Amino acid sequence: MKIDLNCDLGESFGNYKIGMDEEVIKFISSANIACGFHASDPLVMAKTVVLAKENGVKVGAHPGFPDLVGFGRRSMNVSPVELKAMVQYQIGALNAFCKANGVKMNHVKPHGAMYNMAAKDPELAIAIAEGIAEVDSSLILLGLSGSQMLAGAKKVGLKCAAEVFADRSYEEDGSLVARTKPGAVIADENEGIERVIKMIKFHKVKSVTGKEIEICPDSICVHGDNPKALNFVRIIRERLLGENIQIESL
């Protein structure tokens, strides 16, 4: 068995440091780098691309809504045309730093509210997939397992990969529990790790209501802004290898 282990990185900007990129990147296989809309800035983007290259980690764009104050986690009323342009703009920005450092961009993973909205809205999902395909059809869309994003990618003819979360709770329909609700983020590392192993081996996860749902992972996400991210990702990596599950980029 093989699995990708990804983390959202490069989310610091200006005088504000978010996450533990230099430490976390040693344990992952794919990095989703913020592109300046919900977080990051040009210097941070450049440094994070170099950091990923030095650690042999695949680079992906992590486009979000233009909402620094809300960290891209607040929904926006955008049309498919607007969303497509936002995604293309941000891919282009990060790709400039990739080209400058001899790195081939590997994938695109939408961020926050953009991710959650497109997971349920077919039109937004197709807009994202088309936006990616028109820029570079070799890129992989990393989206929520069982979501409209993956369906949109397949409709457009774009490669896609199913993502699951080590540190987030699920609703019965397979969507993520809103961060405004209690229990949305799993703080117990052991609980998170057991859930990951079950998702990989048995394609099941327990929803917030206690009901088991089907889930099929290609990639596991650990959030870099989680205070326990470093310990979480280190232990997950050790456990996966201990279970003879190889960690391999998309």
Protein backbone atom coordinates (compact mmCIF):
# COMPACT_ATOMS: atom_id res chain seq x y z
CA MET A 1 0.00 0.00 0.00
CA LYS A 2 1.09 3.54 -0.75
CA ILE A 3 -0.14 6.95 0.40
CA ASP A 4 0.85 10.58 -0.11
CA LEU A 5 1.33 12.69 3.02
CA ASN A 6 0.64 16.38 2.38
CA CYS A 7 0.65 19.60 4.37
CA ASP A 8 -0.39 23.20 3.68
CA LEU A 9 2.75 25.32 3.91
CA GLY A 10 4.05 28.80 3.10
CA GLU A 11 1.21 30.50 4.96
CA SER A 12 3.31 33.08 6.79
CA PHE A 13 3.37 36.64 5.48
CA GLY A 14 5.18 39.85 6.38
CA ASN A 15 5.89 39.84 10.11
CA TYR A 16 3.40 37.04 10.77
CA LYS A 17 4.70 33.48 11.12
CA ILE A 18 2.19 30.67 10.71
CA GLY A 19 3.10 27.00 10.99
CA MET A 20 6.39 25.15 11.41
CA ASP A 21 7.33 24.67 7.76
CA GLU A 22 11.03 23.93 8.24
CA GLU A 23 10.29 21.10 10.69
CA VAL A 24 7.11 19.63 9.17
CA ILE A 25 8.49 19.39 5.63
CA LYS A 26 10.97 16.70 6.70
CA PHE A 27 8.13 14.23 7.23
CA ILE A 28 5.83 14.84 4.23
CA SER A 29 5.88 13.97 0.52
CA SER A 30 3.80 16.86 -0.88
CA ALA A 31 3.58 20.55 0.03
CA ASN A 32 0.60 22.75 -0.83
CA ILE A 33 2.05 26.27 -0.96
CA ALA A 34 -0.18 29.30 -0.36
CA CYS A 35 -0.21 31.74 -3.26
CA GLY A 36 -0.74 35.16 -1.67
CA PHE A 37 -4.54 35.44 -1.53
CA HIS A 38 -5.48 33.83 1.80
CA ALA A 39 -1.91 33.85 3.11
CA SER A 40 1.77 34.06 2.09
CA ASP A 41 3.72 36.73 0.22
CA PRO A 42 6.26 36.62 -2.63
CA LEU A 43 9.27 36.10 -0.36
CA VAL A 44 7.59 33.33 1.62
CA MET A 45 6.46 31.64 -1.60
CA ALA A 46 9.99 31.71 -2.99
CA LYS A 47 11.52 30.38 0.24
CA THR A 48 8.95 27.58 0.54
CA VAL A 49 9.54 26.37 -3.01
CA VAL A 50 13.27 26.20 -2.27
CA LEU A 51 12.58 24.43 1.04
CA ALA A 52 10.49 21.80 -0.74
CA LYS A 53 13.15 21.31 -3.40
CA GLU A 54 15.87 20.83 -0.77
CA ASN A 55 13.78 18.18 0.99
CA GLY A 56 12.67 16.30 -2.13
CA VAL A 57 9.04 17.22 -1.56
CA LYS A 58 6.60 17.73 -4.45
CA VAL A 59 5.21 21.24 -4.85
CA GLY A 60 1.56 22.10 -5.33
CA ALA A 61 -0.30 25.41 -5.55
CA HIS A 62 -2.72 26.15 -2.70
CA PRO A 63 -5.06 28.85 -4.07
CA GLY A 64 -7.65 30.44 -1.80
CA PHE A 65 -10.07 33.35 -1.63
CA PRO A 66 -8.58 36.88 -1.32
CA ASP A 67 -9.25 37.08 2.42
CA LEU A 68 -6.15 37.53 4.58
CA VAL A 69 -8.16 38.54 7.65
CA GLY A 70 -10.34 35.44 7.49
CA PHE A 71 -7.45 33.21 6.35
CA GLY A 72 -9.55 32.19 3.35
CA ARG A 73 -11.96 30.27 5.55
CA ARG A 74 -14.97 32.55 4.95
CA SER A 75 -17.29 31.77 2.07
CA MET A 76 -17.47 34.25 -0.81
CA ASN A 77 -20.22 34.76 -3.37
CA VAL A 78 -18.19 34.21 -6.55
CA SER A 79 -19.21 33.14 -10.03
CA PRO A 80 -17.52 30.19 -11.76
CA VAL A 81 -15.80 32.66 -14.11
CA GLU A 82 -14.36 34.63 -11.17
CA LEU A 83 -13.25 31.48 -9.39
CA LYS A 84 -11.52 30.14 -12.48
CA ALA A 85 -9.57 33.40 -12.86
CA MET A 86 -8.60 33.39 -9.16
CA VAL A 87 -7.23 29.87 -9.45
CA GLN A 88 -5.30 30.58 -12.65
CA TYR A 89 -3.84 33.80 -11.23
CA GLN A 90 -2.50 32.01 -8.16
CA ILE A 91 -1.15 29.01 -10.07
CA GLY A 92 0.73 31.45 -12.30
CA ALA A 93 2.19 33.29 -9.33
CA LEU A 94 3.57 30.16 -7.67
CA ASN A 95 4.70 28.67 -10.97
CA ALA A 96 6.99 31.67 -11.50
CA PHE A 97 8.92 30.70 -8.37
CA CYS A 98 8.88 27.03 -9.39
CA LYS A 99 10.40 27.86 -12.78
CA ALA A 100 12.96 30.20 -11.23
CA ASN A 101 14.16 27.34 -9.02
CA GLY A 102 13.95 24.49 -11.52
CA VAL A 103 10.95 22.84 -9.87
CA LYS A 104 8.04 21.24 -11.74
CA MET A 105 4.70 22.01 -10.13
CA ASN A 106 2.92 18.75 -9.38
CA HIS A 107 -0.60 19.50 -8.18
CA VAL A 108 -3.20 22.06 -7.11
CA LYS A 109 -5.19 21.91 -3.88
CA PRO A 110 -7.78 24.64 -3.24
CA HIS A 111 -7.81 26.12 0.24
CA GLY A 112 -10.40 26.61 2.97
CA ALA A 113 -13.80 27.94 1.92
CA MET A 114 -12.92 27.59 -1.77
CA TYR A 115 -12.20 23.90 -1.19
CA ASN A 116 -15.37 23.29 0.82
CA MET A 117 -17.64 25.19 -1.58
CA ALA A 118 -16.27 23.43 -4.65
CA ALA A 119 -16.60 20.07 -2.89
CA LYS A 120 -20.39 20.50 -3.01
CA ASP A 121 -20.99 22.79 -6.02
CA PRO A 122 -20.54 21.11 -9.44
CA GLU A 123 -20.20 24.41 -11.31
CA LEU A 124 -17.47 25.71 -9.03
CA ALA A 125 -15.72 22.34 -9.16
CA ILE A 126 -15.66 22.37 -12.96
CA ALA A 127 -14.45 25.98 -12.97
CA ILE A 128 -11.46 24.98 -10.83
CA ALA A 129 -10.71 21.91 -12.95
CA GLU A 130 -10.94 23.89 -16.19
CA GLY A 131 -8.76 26.64 -14.75
CA ILE A 132 -6.05 24.15 -13.86
CA ALA A 133 -6.28 22.22 -17.14
CA GLU A 134 -6.01 25.38 -19.25
CA VAL A 135 -2.79 26.38 -17.47
CA ASP A 136 -1.18 22.92 -17.33
CA SER A 137 -3.10 19.74 -18.09
CA SER A 138 -0.41 17.62 -16.43
CA LEU A 139 -1.25 19.00 -12.97
CA ILE A 140 -3.22 16.88 -10.49
CA LEU A 141 -6.27 18.29 -8.71
CA LEU A 142 -6.13 17.27 -5.06
CA GLY A 143 -9.67 17.34 -3.69
CA LEU A 144 -11.88 15.94 -0.96
CA SER A 145 -12.58 12.22 -1.33
CA GLY A 146 -15.98 11.60 -2.90
CA SER A 147 -16.53 15.29 -3.66
CA GLN A 148 -17.72 17.25 -6.68
CA MET A 149 -14.13 18.42 -7.19
CA LEU A 150 -13.04 14.95 -8.22
CA ALA A 151 -16.12 14.51 -10.39
CA GLY A 152 -15.39 17.87 -12.05
CA ALA A 153 -11.79 16.90 -12.72
CA LYS A 154 -12.87 13.64 -14.36
CA LYS A 155 -15.43 15.47 -16.49
CA VAL A 156 -12.76 17.89 -17.72
CA GLY A 157 -10.22 15.10 -18.26
CA LEU A 158 -7.86 16.31 -15.54
CA LYS A 159 -5.94 13.94 -13.28
CA CYS A 160 -7.18 13.99 -9.70
CA ALA A 161 -6.38 12.51 -6.30
CA ALA A 162 -8.65 11.93 -3.31
CA GLU A 163 -7.66 13.65 -0.08
CA VAL A 164 -8.62 12.73 3.47
CA PHE A 165 -7.81 14.50 6.72
CA ALA A 166 -5.98 13.18 9.74
CA ASP A 167 -7.06 16.00 12.02
CA ARG A 168 -10.60 16.85 10.85
CA SER A 169 -14.00 15.33 11.61
CA TYR A 170 -16.48 14.26 8.92
CA GLU A 171 -20.21 14.71 8.43
CA GLU A 172 -22.27 11.72 7.28
CA ASP A 173 -22.21 12.99 3.68
CA GLY A 174 -18.41 12.90 3.62
CA SER A 175 -17.96 16.66 3.96
CA LEU A 176 -15.79 18.18 6.67
CA VAL A 177 -17.39 19.38 9.88
CA ALA A 178 -17.39 23.20 9.87
CA ARG A 179 -14.65 24.68 12.04
CA THR A 180 -17.31 26.68 13.89
CA LYS A 181 -18.75 23.45 15.32
CA PRO A 182 -17.37 21.60 18.37
CA GLY A 183 -15.14 18.66 17.55
CA ALA A 184 -14.33 19.85 14.03
CA VAL A 185 -10.59 19.50 14.67
CA ILE A 186 -9.21 16.31 16.22
CA ALA A 187 -6.68 17.23 18.88
CA ASP A 188 -5.84 13.70 20.05
CA GLU A 189 -2.92 12.42 17.97
CA ASN A 190 -3.65 8.78 18.76
CA GLU A 191 -7.27 9.09 17.64
CA GLY A 192 -6.19 10.82 14.45
CA ILE A 193 -3.61 8.16 13.66
CA GLU A 194 -6.04 5.29 14.21
CA ARG A 195 -8.50 7.00 11.88
CA VAL A 196 -5.80 7.37 9.21
CA ILE A 197 -4.85 3.68 9.35
CA LYS A 198 -8.51 2.66 9.10
CA MET A 199 -9.08 4.97 6.13
CA ILE A 200 -6.10 3.55 4.25
CA LYS A 201 -6.61 -0.12 5.05
CA PHE A 202 -10.40 -0.40 5.17
CA HIS A 203 -11.62 2.74 3.33
CA LYS A 204 -13.85 3.71 6.25
CA VAL A 205 -14.04 6.55 8.77
CA LYS A 206 -16.42 7.28 11.64
CA SER A 207 -18.46 10.44 11.09
CA VAL A 208 -19.19 12.99 13.81
CA THR A 209 -22.54 11.24 14.42
CA GLY A 210 -20.83 7.89 14.95
CA LYS A 211 -21.89 6.41 11.62
CA GLU A 212 -19.17 4.80 9.52
CA ILE A 213 -18.85 6.15 5.98
CA GLU A 214 -16.93 5.02 2.91
CA ILE A 215 -13.78 6.96 2.07
CA CYS A 216 -10.97 6.23 -0.38
CA PRO A 217 -7.67 8.08 0.18
CA ASP A 218 -4.81 8.85 -2.18
CA SER A 219 -3.37 11.50 0.13
CA ILE A 220 -3.49 12.31 3.85
CA CYS A 221 -3.49 15.96 4.95
CA VAL A 222 -2.13 17.31 8.21
CA HIS A 223 -2.69 21.04 8.70
CA GLY A 224 0.51 23.01 9.20
CA ASP A 225 -1.18 25.66 11.34
CA ASN A 226 -2.33 23.07 13.88
CA PRO A 227 -0.31 23.63 17.12
CA LYS A 228 0.39 19.90 17.27
CA ALA A 229 1.19 19.56 13.55
CA LEU A 230 4.85 18.62 13.96
CA ASN A 231 4.24 15.85 16.48
CA PHE A 232 1.16 14.70 14.56
CA VAL A 233 2.90 14.32 11.21
CA ARG A 234 6.00 12.72 12.76
CA ILE A 235 3.98 10.03 14.55
CA ILE A 236 1.74 9.43 11.52
CA ARG A 237 4.79 8.87 9.33
CA GLU A 238 6.32 6.43 11.82
CA ARG A 239 3.05 4.50 12.17
CA LEU A 240 2.46 4.29 8.43
CA LEU A 241 5.94 2.90 7.82
CA GLY A 242 5.42 0.51 10.74
CA GLU A 243 2.26 -0.76 9.03
CA ASN A 244 4.24 -1.31 5.77
CA ILE A 245 2.43 1.57 4.09
CA GLN A 246 4.84 3.42 1.80
CA ILE A 247 4.79 7.22 1.74
CA GLU A 248 5.00 8.40 -1.85
CA SER A 249 4.11 11.68 -3.56
CA LEU A 250 1.21 11.94 -5.99
